[in-house]
N, C-alpha and C. Protein backbone atom coordinates (compact mmCIF):
# COMPACT_ATOMS: atom_id res chain seq x y z
N MET A 1 5.65 58.38 23.17
CA MET A 1 4.38 58.96 22.39
C MET A 1 3.33 59.72 22.68
N ALA A 2 3.71 60.79 22.09
CA ALA A 2 2.10 61.78 22.68
C ALA A 2 1.01 61.33 21.05
N ARG A 3 0.46 61.37 22.08
CA ARG A 3 -0.79 60.66 20.92
C ARG A 3 -2.26 61.84 21.14
N ILE A 4 -2.42 62.29 20.32
CA ILE A 4 -3.89 63.67 20.52
C ILE A 4 -4.53 63.47 19.46
N SER A 5 -5.78 62.98 19.40
CA SER A 5 -6.80 63.07 18.76
C SER A 5 -6.55 61.89 17.53
N GLY A 6 -5.60 60.94 17.68
CA GLY A 6 -5.68 59.96 17.06
C GLY A 6 -4.12 60.32 16.01
N VAL A 7 -3.65 61.55 16.35
CA VAL A 7 -2.01 61.47 15.41
C VAL A 7 -0.87 61.66 16.48
N ASP A 8 -0.20 60.80 15.94
CA ASP A 8 0.97 60.79 16.55
C ASP A 8 2.17 62.36 16.74
N LEU A 9 2.42 62.63 17.58
CA LEU A 9 3.03 63.89 17.29
C LEU A 9 4.68 63.43 17.25
N PRO A 10 4.85 64.22 16.52
CA PRO A 10 6.78 64.10 16.06
C PRO A 10 7.25 64.41 17.63
N LYS A 11 8.06 63.22 17.95
CA LYS A 11 8.43 63.63 19.35
C LYS A 11 9.78 64.89 19.44
N GLU A 12 10.36 64.92 18.10
CA GLU A 12 11.98 66.08 18.24
C GLU A 12 11.21 67.26 18.27
N LYS A 13 10.08 67.83 17.77
CA LYS A 13 9.57 69.11 17.45
C LYS A 13 9.12 69.65 19.06
N ARG A 14 9.14 70.90 18.94
CA ARG A 14 8.05 71.75 19.79
C ARG A 14 7.18 71.34 20.06
N VAL A 15 6.27 71.33 21.42
CA VAL A 15 5.05 71.41 21.54
C VAL A 15 3.96 72.36 20.68
N ASP A 16 4.33 73.53 20.37
CA ASP A 16 3.51 74.45 19.47
C ASP A 16 3.52 74.09 18.42
N ILE A 17 4.30 73.33 17.49
CA ILE A 17 4.81 73.06 16.47
C ILE A 17 4.19 71.63 16.07
N ALA A 18 4.69 71.13 17.02
CA ALA A 18 4.17 69.76 16.71
C ALA A 18 2.43 69.22 16.70
N LEU A 19 1.69 70.33 17.35
CA LEU A 19 0.08 70.13 17.36
C LEU A 19 -0.15 70.96 16.34
N SER A 20 0.61 71.45 15.14
CA SER A 20 0.23 71.93 13.99
C SER A 20 0.18 70.52 13.29
N TYR A 21 0.47 69.26 13.43
CA TYR A 21 0.06 68.37 12.67
C TYR A 21 -0.85 67.76 12.96
N ILE A 22 -1.67 67.61 14.04
CA ILE A 22 -3.46 67.14 14.10
C ILE A 22 -4.28 68.22 12.93
N TYR A 23 -5.01 67.76 11.80
CA TYR A 23 -5.65 68.18 10.90
C TYR A 23 -6.87 69.12 11.76
N GLY A 24 -7.05 70.36 11.68
CA GLY A 24 -7.81 71.33 12.08
C GLY A 24 -7.23 72.05 12.64
N VAL A 25 -5.67 72.12 13.30
CA VAL A 25 -5.07 72.76 14.80
C VAL A 25 -4.08 73.40 13.88
N GLY A 26 -4.06 75.00 13.73
CA GLY A 26 -3.01 75.68 12.89
C GLY A 26 -1.98 75.77 13.71
N ARG A 27 -1.18 77.32 13.69
CA ARG A 27 -0.29 77.62 14.61
C ARG A 27 -0.93 78.55 15.76
N PRO A 28 -1.80 79.07 15.04
CA PRO A 28 -2.33 80.08 16.48
C PRO A 28 -3.15 79.28 17.21
N LEU A 29 -3.88 78.32 16.69
CA LEU A 29 -4.42 77.62 17.68
C LEU A 29 -3.77 76.48 18.15
N ALA A 30 -2.34 76.25 17.77
CA ALA A 30 -1.69 75.49 19.10
C ALA A 30 -1.13 76.11 19.91
N SER A 31 -0.86 77.89 19.31
CA SER A 31 -0.65 78.46 20.57
C SER A 31 -1.30 78.95 21.68
N LYS A 32 -2.38 78.95 21.21
CA LYS A 32 -3.75 79.31 22.34
C LYS A 32 -3.68 78.08 23.03
N LEU A 33 -3.72 77.17 22.50
CA LEU A 33 -3.71 75.29 23.64
C LEU A 33 -2.58 75.62 24.36
N VAL A 34 -1.50 75.43 24.20
CA VAL A 34 -0.16 75.37 24.56
C VAL A 34 -0.35 76.58 26.31
N ALA A 35 -0.94 77.70 25.72
CA ALA A 35 -0.87 78.64 26.48
C ALA A 35 -1.67 78.33 27.50
N GLU A 36 -3.28 77.58 27.38
CA GLU A 36 -4.28 78.02 28.11
C GLU A 36 -3.85 76.86 29.11
N ALA A 37 -3.20 75.92 28.41
CA ALA A 37 -2.38 74.50 29.22
C ALA A 37 -1.27 74.79 30.09
N GLN A 38 -0.69 75.85 30.08
CA GLN A 38 0.30 76.54 30.73
C GLN A 38 1.65 75.53 30.53
N ILE A 39 1.72 75.41 29.53
CA ILE A 39 3.01 74.52 29.27
C ILE A 39 3.27 75.48 28.31
N ASP A 40 5.12 75.49 28.90
CA ASP A 40 6.10 76.57 27.76
C ASP A 40 6.31 75.69 26.35
N PRO A 41 5.60 76.65 25.78
CA PRO A 41 6.09 76.14 24.12
C PRO A 41 7.17 75.65 23.11
N SER A 42 8.53 75.93 23.96
CA SER A 42 9.53 75.53 23.84
C SER A 42 9.98 74.26 24.02
N THR A 43 8.83 73.45 24.94
CA THR A 43 9.17 71.84 25.36
C THR A 43 9.12 71.16 23.99
N ARG A 44 9.82 70.23 24.50
CA ARG A 44 9.89 69.09 23.02
C ARG A 44 8.78 68.19 23.64
N VAL A 45 8.47 67.65 22.79
CA VAL A 45 6.83 66.15 22.81
C VAL A 45 7.91 65.70 23.51
N LYS A 46 8.51 64.92 23.67
CA LYS A 46 9.28 63.22 24.03
C LYS A 46 9.52 64.08 25.89
N ASN A 47 9.61 65.29 26.01
CA ASN A 47 9.28 65.70 27.22
C ASN A 47 8.10 65.65 28.11
N LEU A 48 7.18 65.79 27.38
CA LEU A 48 5.68 65.91 27.56
C LEU A 48 5.44 65.13 28.89
N THR A 49 4.82 65.23 29.86
CA THR A 49 4.29 63.98 31.13
C THR A 49 2.98 63.93 30.51
N GLU A 50 2.24 62.83 30.82
CA GLU A 50 0.85 62.41 30.69
C GLU A 50 -0.03 63.11 31.04
N ALA A 51 -0.15 63.58 32.32
CA ALA A 51 -0.82 64.95 32.51
C ALA A 51 -1.03 66.21 31.46
N GLU A 52 0.36 66.47 31.23
CA GLU A 52 0.30 67.81 30.06
C GLU A 52 -0.59 67.43 28.88
N ILE A 53 -0.25 66.02 28.47
CA ILE A 53 -1.33 65.33 27.08
C ILE A 53 -2.49 65.45 27.30
N ASN A 54 -2.72 65.05 28.72
CA ASN A 54 -3.73 65.14 28.79
C ASN A 54 -4.90 66.32 28.65
N LYS A 55 -4.20 67.16 29.44
CA LYS A 55 -4.63 68.24 29.75
C LYS A 55 -4.90 68.79 27.99
N ILE A 56 -4.05 68.80 27.17
CA ILE A 56 -3.97 69.88 25.96
C ILE A 56 -5.33 68.56 24.89
N SER A 57 -4.97 67.56 25.61
CA SER A 57 -6.38 66.46 24.74
C SER A 57 -8.01 67.51 25.49
N THR A 58 -8.07 67.17 26.63
CA THR A 58 -9.39 68.09 27.32
C THR A 58 -9.44 69.56 26.57
N LEU A 59 -8.73 69.88 26.87
CA LEU A 59 -8.63 71.72 26.28
C LEU A 59 -9.43 71.24 24.53
N ILE A 60 -8.89 70.41 23.91
CA ILE A 60 -9.35 70.64 22.24
C ILE A 60 -10.71 69.74 22.57
N THR A 61 -11.18 69.03 23.08
CA THR A 61 -12.52 68.72 23.50
C THR A 61 -13.29 69.61 24.07
N GLN A 62 -13.00 70.13 24.97
CA GLN A 62 -13.64 71.24 25.62
C GLN A 62 -14.37 72.40 24.68
N ASP A 63 -13.04 72.65 24.17
CA ASP A 63 -13.26 73.80 23.05
C ASP A 63 -14.50 73.97 21.57
N ALA A 64 -14.57 72.71 21.69
CA ALA A 64 -15.61 71.90 21.02
C ALA A 64 -14.64 72.33 19.45
N VAL A 65 -13.07 72.08 19.14
CA VAL A 65 -12.61 72.39 18.29
C VAL A 65 -12.70 70.87 17.69
N LYS A 66 -12.86 71.38 15.90
CA LYS A 66 -13.49 70.12 15.28
C LYS A 66 -12.05 69.94 14.47
N VAL A 67 -11.88 68.50 14.91
CA VAL A 67 -10.40 67.96 14.35
C VAL A 67 -10.40 66.42 13.31
N GLU A 68 -9.39 66.66 12.86
CA GLU A 68 -9.09 65.18 12.15
C GLU A 68 -10.63 64.71 11.74
N GLY A 69 -11.27 63.58 12.17
CA GLY A 69 -12.15 62.72 11.24
C GLY A 69 -13.50 63.64 11.03
N ASP A 70 -13.51 64.34 12.08
CA ASP A 70 -14.72 65.11 12.65
C ASP A 70 -14.98 66.39 11.50
N LEU A 71 -13.98 67.36 11.35
CA LEU A 71 -13.72 68.36 10.67
C LEU A 71 -13.96 67.61 8.88
N ARG A 72 -12.93 66.34 8.67
CA ARG A 72 -13.12 66.01 7.28
C ARG A 72 -14.27 65.28 6.97
N ARG A 73 -15.33 65.31 7.62
CA ARG A 73 -16.61 64.93 7.32
C ARG A 73 -17.10 66.01 7.55
N GLU A 74 -17.49 67.16 7.61
CA GLU A 74 -17.70 68.07 7.67
C GLU A 74 -17.52 68.90 6.46
N ILE A 75 -16.62 68.85 6.32
CA ILE A 75 -16.45 69.52 5.08
C ILE A 75 -16.59 68.56 3.79
N GLN A 76 -16.65 67.31 3.71
CA GLN A 76 -16.83 66.64 2.57
C GLN A 76 -18.77 66.47 2.91
N GLN A 77 -19.23 66.90 3.64
CA GLN A 77 -20.91 67.05 4.35
C GLN A 77 -21.09 68.31 3.28
N ASN A 78 -20.17 69.11 3.47
CA ASN A 78 -20.56 70.57 2.68
C ASN A 78 -20.22 70.62 1.48
N VAL A 79 -19.64 70.04 0.75
CA VAL A 79 -19.53 69.93 -0.50
C VAL A 79 -20.41 68.98 -1.22
N ARG A 80 -20.84 68.38 -0.54
CA ARG A 80 -21.85 67.57 -1.38
C ARG A 80 -23.51 67.80 -1.19
N ARG A 81 -23.46 68.76 0.13
CA ARG A 81 -24.69 69.66 0.06
C ARG A 81 -25.01 70.57 -1.20
N LEU A 82 -23.69 71.31 -1.60
CA LEU A 82 -23.51 72.22 -2.63
C LEU A 82 -23.78 71.53 -4.11
N ILE A 83 -23.68 69.73 -3.89
CA ILE A 83 -23.62 69.44 -5.30
C ILE A 83 -25.19 68.74 -5.56
N ASP A 84 -25.49 68.76 -4.22
CA ASP A 84 -27.02 68.15 -4.22
C ASP A 84 -27.95 68.94 -4.49
N ILE A 85 -27.94 70.54 -4.07
CA ILE A 85 -28.96 71.46 -4.24
C ILE A 85 -28.85 71.98 -5.80
N GLY A 86 -27.27 71.64 -6.78
CA GLY A 86 -27.38 72.35 -7.78
C GLY A 86 -26.91 73.49 -7.63
N ALA A 87 -26.01 73.82 -6.63
CA ALA A 87 -25.04 75.33 -7.05
C ALA A 87 -24.40 75.24 -7.74
N TYR A 88 -23.74 76.69 -8.00
CA TYR A 88 -22.61 76.68 -9.37
C TYR A 88 -21.39 75.97 -8.52
N ARG A 89 -21.14 76.67 -7.14
CA ARG A 89 -20.02 75.82 -6.51
C ARG A 89 -19.96 74.30 -6.74
N GLY A 90 -21.17 73.66 -6.33
CA GLY A 90 -21.27 72.60 -6.74
C GLY A 90 -21.03 71.35 -8.07
N PHE A 91 -21.87 72.52 -8.83
CA PHE A 91 -20.85 71.84 -10.45
C PHE A 91 -19.53 72.20 -10.45
N ARG A 92 -18.98 72.76 -9.86
CA ARG A 92 -17.67 73.02 -10.20
C ARG A 92 -16.49 72.30 -9.72
N HIS A 93 -17.52 71.67 -8.31
CA HIS A 93 -16.29 70.81 -7.30
C HIS A 93 -17.15 69.37 -8.37
N ARG A 94 -17.84 69.13 -8.88
CA ARG A 94 -18.00 67.93 -9.48
C ARG A 94 -17.48 67.57 -10.84
N ARG A 95 -17.35 68.61 -11.23
CA ARG A 95 -16.22 68.59 -12.55
C ARG A 95 -14.85 69.17 -12.24
N ASN A 96 -14.48 68.87 -11.12
CA ASN A 96 -13.55 68.94 -10.67
C ASN A 96 -12.09 70.61 -11.00
N LEU A 97 -13.32 71.80 -11.08
CA LEU A 97 -12.77 72.95 -11.56
C LEU A 97 -12.81 73.53 -10.18
N PRO A 98 -12.01 74.66 -10.43
CA PRO A 98 -11.67 75.78 -9.48
C PRO A 98 -12.98 76.02 -9.33
N CYS A 99 -13.70 76.48 -7.75
CA CYS A 99 -15.07 77.31 -7.62
C CYS A 99 -14.74 78.60 -7.06
N ARG A 100 -13.75 79.09 -7.13
CA ARG A 100 -13.42 80.42 -6.74
C ARG A 100 -13.11 81.57 -7.09
N GLY A 101 -13.65 81.51 -8.37
CA GLY A 101 -13.58 82.57 -9.51
C GLY A 101 -12.34 82.66 -10.51
N GLN A 102 -11.11 81.60 -10.35
CA GLN A 102 -10.20 82.06 -10.83
C GLN A 102 -10.27 81.54 -12.38
N ARG A 103 -9.13 81.95 -13.35
CA ARG A 103 -9.13 81.75 -14.88
C ARG A 103 -8.81 80.16 -15.35
N THR A 104 -9.45 79.61 -15.95
CA THR A 104 -9.18 78.62 -16.23
C THR A 104 -8.54 78.29 -17.88
N LYS A 105 -8.84 79.32 -18.58
CA LYS A 105 -8.34 79.22 -19.99
C LYS A 105 -6.78 78.83 -20.14
N THR A 106 -5.91 79.33 -18.89
CA THR A 106 -4.50 79.14 -18.55
C THR A 106 -4.57 78.80 -17.24
N ASN A 107 -3.65 78.01 -17.33
CA ASN A 107 -3.66 77.71 -15.78
C ASN A 107 -4.41 76.76 -15.15
N ALA A 108 -4.37 76.73 -13.55
CA ALA A 108 -5.54 75.53 -13.14
C ALA A 108 -5.13 74.45 -12.98
N ARG A 109 -4.27 74.26 -13.07
CA ARG A 109 -3.25 72.61 -13.38
C ARG A 109 -3.58 71.77 -12.16
N THR A 110 -3.47 72.31 -10.80
CA THR A 110 -3.77 71.02 -9.72
C THR A 110 -5.09 70.51 -9.88
N ARG A 111 -6.34 71.46 -10.26
CA ARG A 111 -7.35 70.90 -10.31
C ARG A 111 -7.79 69.90 -11.51
N ARG A 112 -7.27 70.51 -12.40
CA ARG A 112 -7.39 70.22 -13.90
C ARG A 112 -6.70 68.75 -14.17
N GLY A 113 -5.38 68.73 -13.49
CA GLY A 113 -4.21 67.62 -13.82
C GLY A 113 -3.68 68.10 -15.05
N ARG A 114 -2.80 67.12 -15.36
CA ARG A 114 -1.79 67.65 -16.46
C ARG A 114 -2.71 67.62 -17.99
N ARG A 115 -1.83 68.25 -18.70
CA ARG A 115 -2.51 68.92 -20.38
C ARG A 115 -2.64 67.84 -21.33
N LYS A 116 -3.72 67.87 -21.66
CA LYS A 116 -4.31 66.95 -23.07
C LYS A 116 -4.00 67.48 -24.48
N THR A 117 -2.86 67.55 -25.53
CA THR A 117 -3.15 68.27 -26.03
C THR A 117 -3.90 67.66 -27.38
N VAL A 118 -4.60 69.05 -27.66
CA VAL A 118 -5.99 68.10 -28.50
C VAL A 118 -5.65 68.73 -29.93
N GLY A 119 -5.81 67.87 -30.85
CA GLY A 119 -5.75 68.06 -32.44
C GLY A 119 -4.11 68.62 -32.87
N ALA A 120 -3.32 68.07 -31.92
CA ALA A 120 -1.68 69.16 -32.18
C ALA A 120 -1.17 67.64 -33.26
N ILE A 121 -1.61 66.42 -32.93
CA ILE A 121 -0.71 65.64 -33.37
C ILE A 121 -1.53 64.54 -34.69
N ARG A 122 -0.62 64.54 -35.68
CA ARG A 122 -1.48 63.43 -36.68
C ARG A 122 -0.51 62.20 -36.99
N ALA A 123 -1.41 61.22 -37.66
CA ALA A 123 -1.23 60.02 -37.89
C ALA A 123 -0.10 60.41 -38.80
N GLU A 124 0.67 58.99 -38.98
CA GLU A 124 1.18 58.78 -40.19
C GLU A 124 0.63 57.76 -41.28
N LYS A 125 0.88 58.05 -42.48
CA LYS A 125 0.18 57.69 -43.25
C LYS A 125 0.45 56.05 -43.70
N PRO A 126 -0.84 55.48 -43.82
CA PRO A 126 0.13 53.90 -43.85
C PRO A 126 0.77 53.66 -44.84
N ALA A 127 1.76 52.36 -44.83
CA ALA A 127 2.78 52.17 -45.61
C ALA A 127 2.02 51.52 -46.59
N ALA A 128 0.99 51.11 -46.70
CA ALA A 128 0.36 49.79 -48.18
C ALA A 128 -0.30 51.28 -48.82
N ALA A 129 -0.18 52.37 -48.27
CA ALA A 129 -0.95 53.64 -49.13
C ALA A 129 0.13 53.96 -50.35
N LYS A 130 1.30 53.36 -50.27
CA LYS A 130 2.27 54.01 -51.28
C LYS A 130 1.99 53.39 -52.85
N PRO A 131 2.35 53.90 -53.71
CA PRO A 131 2.57 53.37 -55.28
C PRO A 131 3.19 52.72 -55.30
N ALA A 132 3.02 51.57 -55.79
CA ALA A 132 3.95 50.66 -56.42
C ALA A 132 4.50 50.90 -57.27
N SER A 133 6.23 50.84 -57.14
CA SER A 133 7.04 51.26 -58.21
C SER A 133 7.43 50.37 -59.15
N ALA A 134 7.90 50.32 -60.30
CA ALA A 134 8.04 49.47 -61.17
C ALA A 134 9.57 48.94 -60.84
N PRO A 135 9.73 47.52 -60.82
CA PRO A 135 10.72 46.65 -60.49
C PRO A 135 12.07 47.24 -61.83
N ALA A 136 13.36 47.23 -61.29
CA ALA A 136 14.67 47.54 -61.67
C ALA A 136 14.71 46.65 -62.71
N ALA A 137 15.58 47.33 -63.67
CA ALA A 137 15.96 46.42 -65.15
C ALA A 137 17.25 46.00 -64.82
């Protein structure tokens, strides 16, 4: 089982594809890492040796690539900073709205959640309010 940066890589995938399962490593960086480690990109993860796995791990730490927890923490701190200084983008993050200028009158369902219909539903009149009818003779 290949474990790099705290992530178990899928055994059946090619090395360059499997590396993209690490948060912060995309396809271009994965290809670059495989080339620098001098590993054939078509090699399956299950066929990697311990030396090759260690080489990839050291390349990630050597290149000062932020991955997994460090990257998540940095992004979270950036958003927290925007909120604290009172920036417009921080305000949008705090209200859970899009902060890159997208329209919100329609769409933006990913950030805003399911629709909450306002004012379209009317309550039925209670049964006690009906006038009393005369008894049948």
